[in-house]
């Protein structure tokens, strides 16, 4: 997260290449290991909100809790009238987008499983990844998924 520029970091170009992911412009990175893939916070939020609602099928109360905002702030986000301002909000948006990327890498042939994973029972993230994140924050689930990617 780069609060000064209002950007969310999704990883390095090297990570994207390693997992076969692409975004416009990353092919020209001079140092893939150090070059970061970043999105403006408003763009990252516009990408994330449909994932939370349409793919992961989370109700708006749960979405607000995951983002650690109130219902009225979530409503403003959805209308494009507000952008994140606090470090915690940036971090959560970044973590949730990284969940999405990790799940697409872990389940490349089964997007339905990738989309169901956040709300399914999980012995490592009891009772489910989303419930764990609401209670403890999004970072633990991100670390869990990064550990799975490293295996």
Protein backbone atom coordinates (compact mmCIF):
# COMPACT_ATOMS: atom_id res chain seq x y z
CA UNK A 1 0.00 0.00 0.00
CA UNK A 2 1.31 3.40 -0.92
CA UNK A 3 -0.93 5.87 0.87
CA UNK A 4 0.93 8.92 -0.37
CA UNK A 5 -0.03 8.18 -3.96
CA UNK A 6 -3.31 6.42 -3.16
CA UNK A 7 -2.15 3.17 -4.74
CA UNK A 8 -2.62 -0.46 -3.83
CA UNK A 9 0.23 -2.90 -4.50
CA UNK A 10 -0.75 -6.28 -5.93
CA UNK A 11 2.74 -7.80 -5.95
CA UNK A 12 5.84 -7.69 -8.11
CA UNK A 13 6.06 -8.14 -11.85
CA UNK A 14 8.14 -11.26 -11.14
CA UNK A 15 5.32 -12.77 -9.07
CA UNK A 16 2.81 -12.04 -11.81
CA UNK A 17 5.06 -13.66 -14.43
CA UNK A 18 5.78 -16.66 -12.19
CA UNK A 19 2.06 -17.38 -11.85
CA UNK A 20 1.25 -16.65 -15.49
CA UNK A 21 -0.74 -13.51 -14.71
CA UNK A 22 -0.64 -10.41 -16.85
CA UNK A 23 -1.72 -6.79 -16.81
CA UNK A 24 -1.09 -4.16 -19.48
CA UNK A 25 2.33 -2.57 -19.09
CA UNK A 26 4.06 -5.18 -16.92
CA UNK A 27 5.87 -6.73 -19.89
CA UNK A 28 8.14 -3.68 -20.10
CA UNK A 29 9.40 -3.81 -16.49
CA UNK A 30 13.20 -3.54 -16.41
CA UNK A 31 13.64 -5.41 -13.10
CA UNK A 32 10.75 -7.88 -12.58
CA UNK A 33 11.87 -8.81 -9.07
CA UNK A 34 11.66 -5.21 -7.84
CA UNK A 35 9.06 -3.65 -10.12
CA UNK A 36 5.73 -3.44 -8.35
CA UNK A 37 2.31 -3.92 -9.88
CA UNK A 38 0.20 -1.07 -8.50
CA UNK A 39 -3.30 0.23 -9.07
CA UNK A 40 -4.84 3.52 -8.00
CA UNK A 41 -7.02 2.92 -4.92
CA UNK A 42 -10.23 3.88 -6.71
CA UNK A 43 -9.47 1.42 -9.53
CA UNK A 44 -8.62 -1.32 -7.04
CA UNK A 45 -11.88 -0.69 -5.20
CA UNK A 46 -13.87 -0.79 -8.47
CA UNK A 47 -12.29 -4.19 -9.19
CA UNK A 48 -12.82 -5.52 -5.67
CA UNK A 49 -16.46 -4.66 -5.00
CA UNK A 50 -17.90 -6.90 -7.77
CA UNK A 51 -15.65 -9.73 -6.59
CA UNK A 52 -17.03 -9.45 -3.06
CA UNK A 53 -20.65 -9.30 -4.16
CA UNK A 54 -20.94 -11.25 -7.40
CA UNK A 55 -18.21 -13.88 -7.19
CA UNK A 56 -17.88 -14.44 -3.45
CA UNK A 57 -21.58 -13.68 -2.84
CA UNK A 58 -21.00 -11.68 0.35
CA UNK A 59 -23.79 -9.54 1.73
CA UNK A 60 -23.11 -5.83 2.14
CA UNK A 61 -22.80 -6.05 5.92
CA UNK A 62 -19.99 -8.59 5.56
CA UNK A 63 -18.36 -6.52 2.82
CA UNK A 64 -18.33 -3.47 5.09
CA UNK A 65 -16.84 -5.50 7.94
CA UNK A 66 -14.11 -6.92 5.69
CA UNK A 67 -13.23 -3.43 4.50
CA UNK A 68 -13.58 -2.09 8.07
CA UNK A 69 -15.96 0.67 7.03
CA UNK A 70 -19.52 1.53 7.92
CA UNK A 71 -22.48 0.76 5.67
CA UNK A 72 -22.75 4.40 4.54
CA UNK A 73 -19.07 4.47 3.50
CA UNK A 74 -19.53 1.24 1.55
CA UNK A 75 -22.54 2.81 -0.17
CA UNK A 76 -20.43 5.85 -1.14
CA UNK A 77 -17.67 3.53 -2.42
CA UNK A 78 -20.22 1.71 -4.59
CA UNK A 79 -21.50 4.99 -5.98
CA UNK A 80 -17.95 6.16 -6.73
CA UNK A 81 -18.37 9.17 -4.43
CA UNK A 82 -15.67 8.24 -1.94
CA UNK A 83 -12.25 6.59 -1.88
CA UNK A 84 -10.33 4.97 0.97
CA UNK A 85 -8.50 7.36 3.26
CA UNK A 86 -7.14 5.27 6.11
CA UNK A 87 -4.12 2.98 5.98
CA UNK A 88 -6.20 0.05 7.25
CA UNK A 89 -8.66 0.44 4.37
CA UNK A 90 -5.87 0.45 1.79
CA UNK A 91 -4.32 -2.63 3.38
CA UNK A 92 -7.61 -4.53 3.40
CA UNK A 93 -8.33 -3.72 -0.25
CA UNK A 94 -4.82 -4.90 -1.13
CA UNK A 95 -5.19 -8.08 0.93
CA UNK A 96 -8.59 -8.95 -0.56
CA UNK A 97 -7.37 -8.46 -4.11
CA UNK A 98 -4.37 -10.63 -3.32
CA UNK A 99 -6.76 -13.31 -2.01
CA UNK A 100 -8.52 -13.19 -5.36
CA UNK A 101 -5.27 -13.48 -7.34
CA UNK A 102 -3.97 -16.31 -5.12
CA UNK A 103 -7.22 -18.25 -5.44
CA UNK A 104 -7.13 -17.92 -9.23
CA UNK A 105 -3.58 -19.31 -9.21
CA UNK A 106 -4.41 -22.12 -6.76
CA UNK A 107 -7.57 -23.21 -8.62
CA UNK A 108 -6.88 -22.33 -12.28
CA UNK A 109 -9.23 -24.95 -13.68
CA UNK A 110 -11.99 -24.49 -11.15
CA UNK A 111 -13.05 -20.84 -10.78
CA UNK A 112 -16.23 -21.94 -8.99
CA UNK A 113 -14.12 -23.47 -6.22
CA UNK A 114 -11.92 -20.35 -6.10
CA UNK A 115 -15.03 -18.19 -5.68
CA UNK A 116 -16.56 -20.45 -3.01
CA UNK A 117 -13.32 -20.84 -1.00
CA UNK A 118 -13.64 -17.61 1.04
CA UNK A 119 -16.91 -18.74 2.62
CA UNK A 120 -16.27 -22.50 2.90
CA UNK A 121 -15.32 -24.17 6.14
CA UNK A 122 -11.57 -24.21 6.61
CA UNK A 123 -9.70 -25.99 9.40
CA UNK A 124 -6.78 -23.55 9.19
CA UNK A 125 -8.97 -20.43 9.19
CA UNK A 126 -11.89 -21.38 11.43
CA UNK A 127 -14.72 -21.32 10.78
CA UNK A 128 -14.19 -19.86 7.27
CA UNK A 129 -11.67 -17.45 5.73
CA UNK A 130 -14.20 -14.60 5.59
CA UNK A 131 -15.39 -15.14 9.18
CA UNK A 132 -11.77 -15.30 10.33
CA UNK A 133 -10.97 -12.07 8.47
CA UNK A 134 -13.98 -10.25 9.90
CA UNK A 135 -12.85 -11.24 13.39
CA UNK A 136 -9.06 -10.94 13.07
CA UNK A 137 -8.36 -8.93 9.91
CA UNK A 138 -7.56 -9.82 6.32
CA UNK A 139 -3.81 -10.25 6.74
CA UNK A 140 -3.94 -13.77 8.29
CA UNK A 141 -5.88 -15.14 5.33
CA UNK A 142 -3.48 -13.46 2.91
CA UNK A 143 -0.51 -15.08 4.67
CA UNK A 144 -2.28 -18.45 4.65
CA UNK A 145 -2.84 -18.21 0.88
CA UNK A 146 0.72 -17.06 0.25
CA UNK A 147 1.89 -20.11 2.19
CA UNK A 148 -0.27 -22.32 -0.02
CA UNK A 149 1.24 -20.70 -3.11
CA UNK A 150 4.75 -21.39 -1.79
CA UNK A 151 4.04 -25.12 -1.41
